């Protein structure tokens, strides 16, 4: 398919790169493409950023049949632009599409069309330290129909947003609240997909955590409420003695690309790395015995987020004296250096635009 390009007649004023928040500013253009049973995916186009016009009965509004991804473009020291492991994002997008009965999209075309969009918006990729261009590919069901079935039509679109740090704390330890009153997902559902409902299911517990002074919620499994799964916006890691541990993918945990990168780097450094089921009681006991060295999260938005405090019921675990642990720091520096072109990463991790 050939991508058509329609340039915006009036361009927006670029923001101050040193005052970027997260997800509040959007670029001049977006990518759109449609699907119908008769045509398949068709009419790929880059056009001015604009509201989507939808019938009030559009299916995504009523039944939540939609998926999305999140990745970033980075400015390297030579002024070029590069993407970090984008093929993995599009592979995961198609996994989500499959689980939500949405037609899959050719992954080579997705990457090529994204590069075209970022090229059009190259002046929006910031160069200030710690900044990047956040990329949000999304697919929504567009049939105007009230009835529980898979849609026959879809819209794929991509929007771009120049961003700074995801957490106001920046690369500093955050406080996490473990909840036993709420669950986000169960095995056999769609907890391993980036679909809207997963995030809606996390809002209530997240608001309760914020009111209590915590940044995020750590979810336990939805059946026994004892096995650790993930944090609302990131996967979770524990360093117990000399072992780096993260919960095994069980069908209710999002397979994070940064998570996979952490595992790959840890193994390449000769660390003892484990993906396994781990209970919250094991973590509490490891802390009590002095064996819990670090906790940190991983995700596209924050990259690595150290955890300085974990609260479970009446038990408060202060981790690494509330400071950034050495492994979290090393991983953050390494991954960021690869993303920004300051260091070589494993083969295939970087795509230039």
Protein backbone atom coordinates (compact mmCIF):
# COMPACT_ATOMS: atom_id res chain seq x y z
CA UNK A 1 0.00 0.00 0.00
CA UNK A 2 1.14 3.49 -0.81
CA UNK A 3 0.90 6.07 1.98
CA UNK A 4 -0.54 9.41 0.88
CA UNK A 5 0.55 12.59 2.66
CA UNK A 6 -1.50 15.73 3.19
CA UNK A 7 0.42 18.45 5.01
CA UNK A 8 -1.19 20.75 7.57
CA UNK A 9 -1.65 24.32 6.31
CA UNK A 10 -0.86 25.84 9.69
CA UNK A 11 1.73 24.37 12.04
CA UNK A 12 1.62 24.49 15.82
CA UNK A 13 4.15 26.31 17.97
CA UNK A 14 6.72 23.87 19.31
CA UNK A 15 6.81 23.58 23.12
CA UNK A 16 9.76 24.35 25.40
CA UNK A 17 11.70 21.06 25.44
CA UNK A 18 12.78 21.65 29.02
CA UNK A 19 9.20 21.89 30.28
CA UNK A 20 7.60 18.85 28.67
CA UNK A 21 5.15 16.81 30.71
CA UNK A 22 3.72 13.54 29.46
CA UNK A 23 0.91 13.04 26.96
CA UNK A 24 -0.50 16.58 26.83
CA UNK A 25 0.99 17.99 23.61
CA UNK A 26 0.43 16.51 20.15
CA UNK A 27 2.13 17.05 16.83
CA UNK A 28 0.81 18.53 13.58
CA UNK A 29 0.06 15.26 11.80
CA UNK A 30 -1.27 11.77 12.44
CA UNK A 31 -1.53 8.50 10.55
CA UNK A 32 -4.90 6.99 9.65
CA UNK A 33 -5.92 3.76 7.90
CA UNK A 34 -9.25 1.96 7.63
CA UNK A 35 -10.48 -1.62 7.39
CA UNK A 36 -13.55 -3.24 5.90
CA UNK A 37 -14.30 -6.88 5.22
CA UNK A 38 -14.52 -6.14 1.49
CA UNK A 39 -11.29 -4.13 1.16
CA UNK A 40 -9.14 -5.33 4.03
CA UNK A 41 -6.83 -2.60 5.36
CA UNK A 42 -6.91 0.34 2.95
CA UNK A 43 -6.29 4.06 2.41
CA UNK A 44 -3.18 4.58 4.55
CA UNK A 45 -2.60 8.31 4.93
CA UNK A 46 -0.68 10.92 6.86
CA UNK A 47 -2.84 13.97 7.40
CA UNK A 48 -3.30 16.89 9.80
CA UNK A 49 -3.98 15.95 13.42
CA UNK A 50 -7.72 16.27 13.92
CA UNK A 51 -10.63 14.89 15.99
CA UNK A 52 -12.13 11.56 14.98
CA UNK A 53 -15.74 11.86 13.86
CA UNK A 54 -17.79 8.92 15.16
CA UNK A 55 -21.43 7.95 15.27
CA UNK A 56 -22.76 7.78 18.85
CA UNK A 57 -23.35 4.07 18.29
CA UNK A 58 -19.74 3.34 17.26
CA UNK A 59 -18.92 -0.04 18.75
CA UNK A 60 -15.67 0.86 20.52
CA UNK A 61 -17.62 3.33 22.66
CA UNK A 62 -19.98 0.64 23.90
CA UNK A 63 -18.03 -2.62 23.93
CA UNK A 64 -14.40 -1.56 24.24
CA UNK A 65 -13.12 -3.43 21.21
CA UNK A 66 -9.86 -1.57 20.78
CA UNK A 67 -6.14 -1.99 21.36
CA UNK A 68 -3.09 0.25 21.46
CA UNK A 69 0.68 0.34 21.78
CA UNK A 70 3.28 2.70 23.20
CA UNK A 71 6.83 3.29 21.98
CA UNK A 72 9.22 6.20 21.51
CA UNK A 73 11.46 7.94 18.99
CA UNK A 74 14.77 9.32 20.26
CA UNK A 75 17.20 11.96 19.01
CA UNK A 76 20.75 10.59 18.81
CA UNK A 77 23.98 12.61 19.23
CA UNK A 78 24.34 13.13 15.45
CA UNK A 79 20.84 14.61 15.23
CA UNK A 80 19.31 11.48 13.72
CA UNK A 81 16.16 9.76 14.94
CA UNK A 82 15.87 6.17 16.08
CA UNK A 83 13.26 3.77 17.45
CA UNK A 84 13.79 1.22 20.22
CA UNK A 85 12.63 -2.32 19.36
CA UNK A 86 9.55 -1.18 17.36
CA UNK A 87 9.07 -4.58 15.73
CA UNK A 88 8.33 -6.02 19.16
CA UNK A 89 5.62 -3.39 19.67
CA UNK A 90 3.96 -4.26 16.38
CA UNK A 91 4.25 -7.97 17.12
CA UNK A 92 2.47 -7.32 20.43
CA UNK A 93 -0.11 -5.14 18.69
CA UNK A 94 -1.05 -8.06 16.48
CA UNK A 95 -1.22 -10.32 19.53
CA UNK A 96 -3.69 -7.86 21.03
CA UNK A 97 -5.56 -7.67 17.72
CA UNK A 98 -5.90 -11.44 17.67
CA UNK A 99 -7.23 -11.58 21.24
CA UNK A 100 -9.79 -8.83 20.50
CA UNK A 101 -10.92 -10.35 17.15
CA UNK A 102 -9.41 -7.44 15.19
CA UNK A 103 -7.81 -8.18 11.79
CA UNK A 104 -4.03 -8.27 12.03
CA UNK A 105 -1.88 -5.75 10.15
CA UNK A 106 1.32 -6.42 8.23
CA UNK A 107 4.13 -5.59 10.66
CA UNK A 108 6.62 -4.48 8.00
CA UNK A 109 4.04 -2.02 6.70
CA UNK A 110 3.34 -0.76 10.22
CA UNK A 111 7.03 -0.02 10.76
CA UNK A 112 7.50 1.57 7.35
CA UNK A 113 4.43 3.81 7.73
CA UNK A 114 5.54 4.83 11.21
CA UNK A 115 8.94 5.85 9.89
CA UNK A 116 7.20 7.96 7.24
CA UNK A 117 5.07 9.67 9.90
CA UNK A 118 8.04 10.35 12.17
CA UNK A 119 9.99 11.71 9.19
CA UNK A 120 7.19 14.17 8.48
CA UNK A 121 7.22 15.18 12.16
CA UNK A 122 11.01 15.03 12.62
CA UNK A 123 11.15 18.58 14.01
CA UNK A 124 8.93 17.44 16.89
CA UNK A 125 11.49 14.93 18.19
CA UNK A 126 13.03 16.78 21.15
CA UNK A 127 16.74 16.76 21.94
CA UNK A 128 16.79 17.93 25.57
CA UNK A 129 18.13 15.30 28.03
CA UNK A 130 15.53 12.70 29.01
CA UNK A 131 13.00 13.75 26.36
CA UNK A 132 11.57 11.75 23.47
CA UNK A 133 8.66 11.54 21.04
CA UNK A 134 6.02 9.21 22.43
CA UNK A 135 4.19 7.15 19.79
CA UNK A 136 0.66 5.81 20.30
CA UNK A 137 -0.61 3.35 17.62
CA UNK A 138 -4.28 2.48 18.22
CA UNK A 139 -6.97 0.32 16.61
CA UNK A 140 -10.68 0.88 17.29
CA UNK A 141 -13.89 -0.85 16.18
CA UNK A 142 -15.93 1.57 14.05
CA UNK A 143 -19.21 -0.18 13.14
CA UNK A 144 -22.24 1.97 14.07
CA UNK A 145 -24.03 -0.93 15.75
CA UNK A 146 -25.42 -1.86 19.15
CA UNK A 147 -24.88 -5.57 19.64
CA UNK A 148 -22.20 -7.76 21.13
CA UNK A 149 -20.10 -9.05 18.24
CA UNK A 150 -16.81 -8.22 16.57
CA UNK A 151 -16.95 -5.13 14.40
CA UNK A 152 -16.75 -5.40 10.61
CA UNK A 153 -14.87 -2.10 10.24
CA UNK A 154 -11.86 -0.59 12.06
CA UNK A 155 -9.65 2.48 12.16
CA UNK A 156 -5.92 2.26 12.81
CA UNK A 157 -4.32 5.54 13.77
CA UNK A 158 -1.04 6.81 15.20
CA UNK A 159 -0.56 10.02 17.17
CA UNK A 160 2.69 11.51 18.43
CA UNK A 161 3.51 13.49 21.57
CA UNK A 162 6.81 15.06 22.68
CA UNK A 163 7.36 14.04 26.30
CA UNK A 164 9.58 14.37 29.33
CA UNK A 165 9.61 12.12 32.39
CA UNK A 166 6.52 9.95 32.95
CA UNK A 167 6.62 10.24 36.75
CA UNK A 168 6.92 13.61 38.42
CA UNK A 169 9.61 12.01 40.60
CA UNK A 170 11.78 11.43 37.52
CA UNK A 171 14.40 8.72 38.05
CA UNK A 172 13.86 8.62 41.79
CA UNK A 173 12.27 5.92 43.96
CA UNK A 174 8.47 5.77 43.89
CA UNK A 175 6.06 4.42 46.52
CA UNK A 176 3.89 1.43 45.59
CA UNK A 177 0.73 0.17 47.30
CA UNK A 178 -0.15 -3.54 47.14
CA UNK A 179 -3.91 -4.07 46.89
CA UNK A 180 -5.88 -7.12 48.04
CA UNK A 181 -9.24 -5.42 47.60
CA UNK A 182 -9.16 -5.16 43.80
CA UNK A 183 -7.98 -7.24 40.85
CA UNK A 184 -7.17 -6.12 37.33
CA UNK A 185 -7.07 -9.36 35.34
CA UNK A 186 -7.24 -13.14 35.53
CA UNK A 187 -5.64 -15.87 33.47
CA UNK A 188 -7.67 -16.71 30.39
CA UNK A 189 -8.82 -13.11 29.96
CA UNK A 190 -7.18 -10.18 28.20
CA UNK A 191 -4.69 -9.16 30.89
CA UNK A 192 -1.81 -9.85 28.50
CA UNK A 193 -3.13 -7.40 25.88
CA UNK A 194 -2.96 -3.63 25.64
CA UNK A 195 -6.67 -3.04 25.49
CA UNK A 196 -8.61 -0.16 26.96
CA UNK A 197 -10.56 -2.18 29.51
CA UNK A 198 -7.40 -3.35 31.27
CA UNK A 199 -6.56 0.22 32.15
CA UNK A 200 -10.12 1.16 33.07
CA UNK A 201 -10.07 -1.75 35.52
CA UNK A 202 -7.05 -0.22 37.25
CA UNK A 203 -8.43 3.28 37.82
CA UNK A 204 -10.34 2.85 41.08
CA UNK A 205 -7.50 1.16 42.94
CA UNK A 206 -5.08 3.67 41.44
CA UNK A 207 -7.11 6.58 42.78
CA UNK A 208 -7.18 5.00 46.23
CA UNK A 209 -3.40 4.60 46.10
CA UNK A 210 -2.90 8.23 45.09
CA UNK A 211 -5.09 9.43 47.97
CA UNK A 212 -2.91 7.40 50.35
CA UNK A 213 0.25 9.02 48.98
CA UNK A 214 1.37 6.22 46.66
CA UNK A 215 2.33 6.48 42.99
CA UNK A 216 1.05 3.14 41.68
CA UNK A 217 -0.73 -0.08 42.61
CA UNK A 218 0.96 -3.49 42.63
CA UNK A 219 -1.54 -6.12 41.52
CA UNK A 220 -1.76 -9.64 42.90
CA UNK A 221 -3.22 -12.55 40.97
CA UNK A 222 -6.98 -12.45 40.59
CA UNK A 223 -7.65 -15.96 41.95
CA UNK A 224 -5.63 -16.51 45.12
CA UNK A 225 -4.60 -12.88 45.73
CA UNK A 226 -1.10 -13.86 46.75
CA UNK A 227 1.08 -14.11 43.63
CA UNK A 228 2.61 -10.86 42.41
CA UNK A 229 1.73 -9.85 38.85
CA UNK A 230 2.56 -6.29 37.76
CA UNK A 231 2.22 -2.60 38.58
CA UNK A 232 -0.43 -0.49 36.84
CA UNK A 233 1.95 1.04 34.28
CA UNK A 234 4.94 -1.30 34.39
CA UNK A 235 6.27 -4.78 35.02
CA UNK A 236 7.95 -5.42 38.37
CA UNK A 237 11.37 -6.82 39.35
CA UNK A 238 12.92 -7.90 42.66
CA UNK A 239 16.56 -8.42 43.57
CA UNK A 240 16.72 -11.02 46.33
CA UNK A 241 20.30 -11.84 47.32
CA UNK A 242 22.03 -12.20 43.94
CA UNK A 243 18.92 -13.20 41.96
CA UNK A 244 16.92 -10.92 39.65
CA UNK A 245 13.30 -12.10 39.75
CA UNK A 246 10.21 -11.07 37.81
CA UNK A 247 6.80 -12.77 37.74
CA UNK A 248 6.48 -15.31 34.95
CA UNK A 249 4.09 -14.43 32.14
CA UNK A 250 0.88 -16.20 33.01
CA UNK A 251 -1.65 -14.81 30.55
CA UNK A 252 -2.72 -12.03 32.91
CA UNK A 253 0.54 -10.04 32.79
CA UNK A 254 1.48 -7.72 29.94
CA UNK A 255 4.63 -8.98 28.14
CA UNK A 256 6.56 -5.72 28.36
CA UNK A 257 9.23 -4.93 25.79
CA UNK A 258 11.33 -3.13 28.41
CA UNK A 259 10.77 -6.17 30.67
CA UNK A 260 12.21 -8.39 27.96
CA UNK A 261 15.12 -5.97 27.50
CA UNK A 262 15.93 -6.08 31.22
CA UNK A 263 15.93 -9.88 31.17
CA UNK A 264 18.15 -10.00 28.10
CA UNK A 265 20.66 -7.53 29.55
CA UNK A 266 20.69 -9.27 32.94
CA UNK A 267 21.48 -12.60 31.32
CA UNK A 268 24.16 -11.04 29.11
CA UNK A 269 25.82 -9.67 32.26
CA UNK A 270 25.91 -13.12 33.82
CA UNK A 271 23.30 -12.40 36.47
CA UNK A 272 21.08 -15.09 37.91
CA UNK A 273 17.76 -14.22 36.24
CA UNK A 274 14.46 -15.92 37.04
CA UNK A 275 10.94 -15.66 35.64
CA UNK A 276 8.75 -17.42 38.16
CA UNK A 277 5.72 -17.15 40.39
CA UNK A 278 6.55 -15.20 43.51
CA UNK A 279 4.20 -14.42 46.39
CA UNK A 280 3.91 -11.15 48.24
CA UNK A 281 4.71 -13.07 51.44
CA UNK A 282 8.03 -14.19 49.95
CA UNK A 283 8.92 -10.57 49.29
CA UNK A 284 7.87 -9.50 52.80
CA UNK A 285 9.92 -12.31 54.34
CA UNK A 286 12.94 -11.49 52.15
CA UNK A 287 12.78 -7.91 53.36
CA UNK A 288 12.46 -8.95 57.00
CA UNK A 289 15.51 -11.21 56.71
CA UNK A 290 17.60 -8.61 54.90
CA UNK A 291 17.72 -10.49 51.61
CA UNK A 292 15.59 -8.06 49.56
CA UNK A 293 18.07 -5.71 47.91
CA UNK A 294 16.04 -3.83 45.28
CA UNK A 295 12.62 -3.44 43.71
CA UNK A 296 12.08 -1.64 40.42
CA UNK A 297 9.58 -1.42 37.60
CA UNK A 298 10.15 -1.41 33.84
CA UNK A 299 8.10 0.11 31.05
CA UNK A 300 8.25 2.21 27.90
CA UNK A 301 7.12 5.40 29.60
CA UNK A 302 9.50 5.42 32.59
CA UNK A 303 12.10 2.88 31.32
CA UNK A 304 13.26 1.86 34.83
CA UNK A 305 11.44 3.11 37.93
CA UNK A 306 13.08 2.31 41.28
CA UNK A 307 10.72 1.48 44.15
CA UNK A 308 11.71 2.96 47.50
CA UNK A 309 8.70 1.83 49.50
CA UNK A 310 6.17 -0.99 49.21
CA UNK A 311 3.10 -1.09 51.45
CA UNK A 312 1.16 -4.31 51.98
CA UNK A 313 -1.62 -4.10 54.55
CA UNK A 314 -0.03 -2.70 57.70
CA UNK A 315 3.46 -3.73 56.58
CA UNK A 316 5.69 -1.06 55.02
CA UNK A 317 8.83 -2.25 53.25
CA UNK A 318 11.50 0.41 52.86
CA UNK A 319 13.78 -0.79 50.08
CA UNK A 320 17.47 0.07 49.62
CA UNK A 321 17.14 2.78 52.28
CA UNK A 322 14.77 4.59 49.94
CA UNK A 323 17.55 5.12 47.39
CA UNK A 324 18.08 3.97 43.80
CA UNK A 325 19.63 0.50 43.81
CA UNK A 326 22.81 -0.24 41.81
CA UNK A 327 21.17 -2.68 39.37
CA UNK A 328 18.23 -0.35 38.67
CA UNK A 329 20.71 2.46 38.03
CA UNK A 330 22.86 0.33 35.72
CA UNK A 331 19.83 -0.88 33.74
CA UNK A 332 18.42 2.64 33.41
CA UNK A 333 21.72 4.05 32.16
CA UNK A 334 22.32 1.14 29.79
CA UNK A 335 18.87 1.10 28.21
CA UNK A 336 18.75 4.88 27.87
CA UNK A 337 22.21 4.96 26.30
CA UNK A 338 21.07 2.39 23.74
CA UNK A 339 17.83 4.28 23.07
CA UNK A 340 19.63 7.60 22.52
CA UNK A 341 22.42 6.14 20.42
CA UNK A 342 25.11 6.62 23.06
CA UNK A 343 25.90 2.89 23.24
CA UNK A 344 25.53 -0.18 21.07
CA UNK A 345 22.72 -2.56 21.98
CA UNK A 346 21.98 -6.11 20.95
CA UNK A 347 21.44 -6.61 17.23
CA UNK A 348 18.02 -5.52 16.00
CA UNK A 349 17.13 -3.34 18.99
CA UNK A 350 17.48 -0.04 17.11
CA UNK A 351 15.68 1.04 13.94
CA UNK A 352 16.82 4.30 12.35
CA UNK A 353 14.27 6.67 10.81
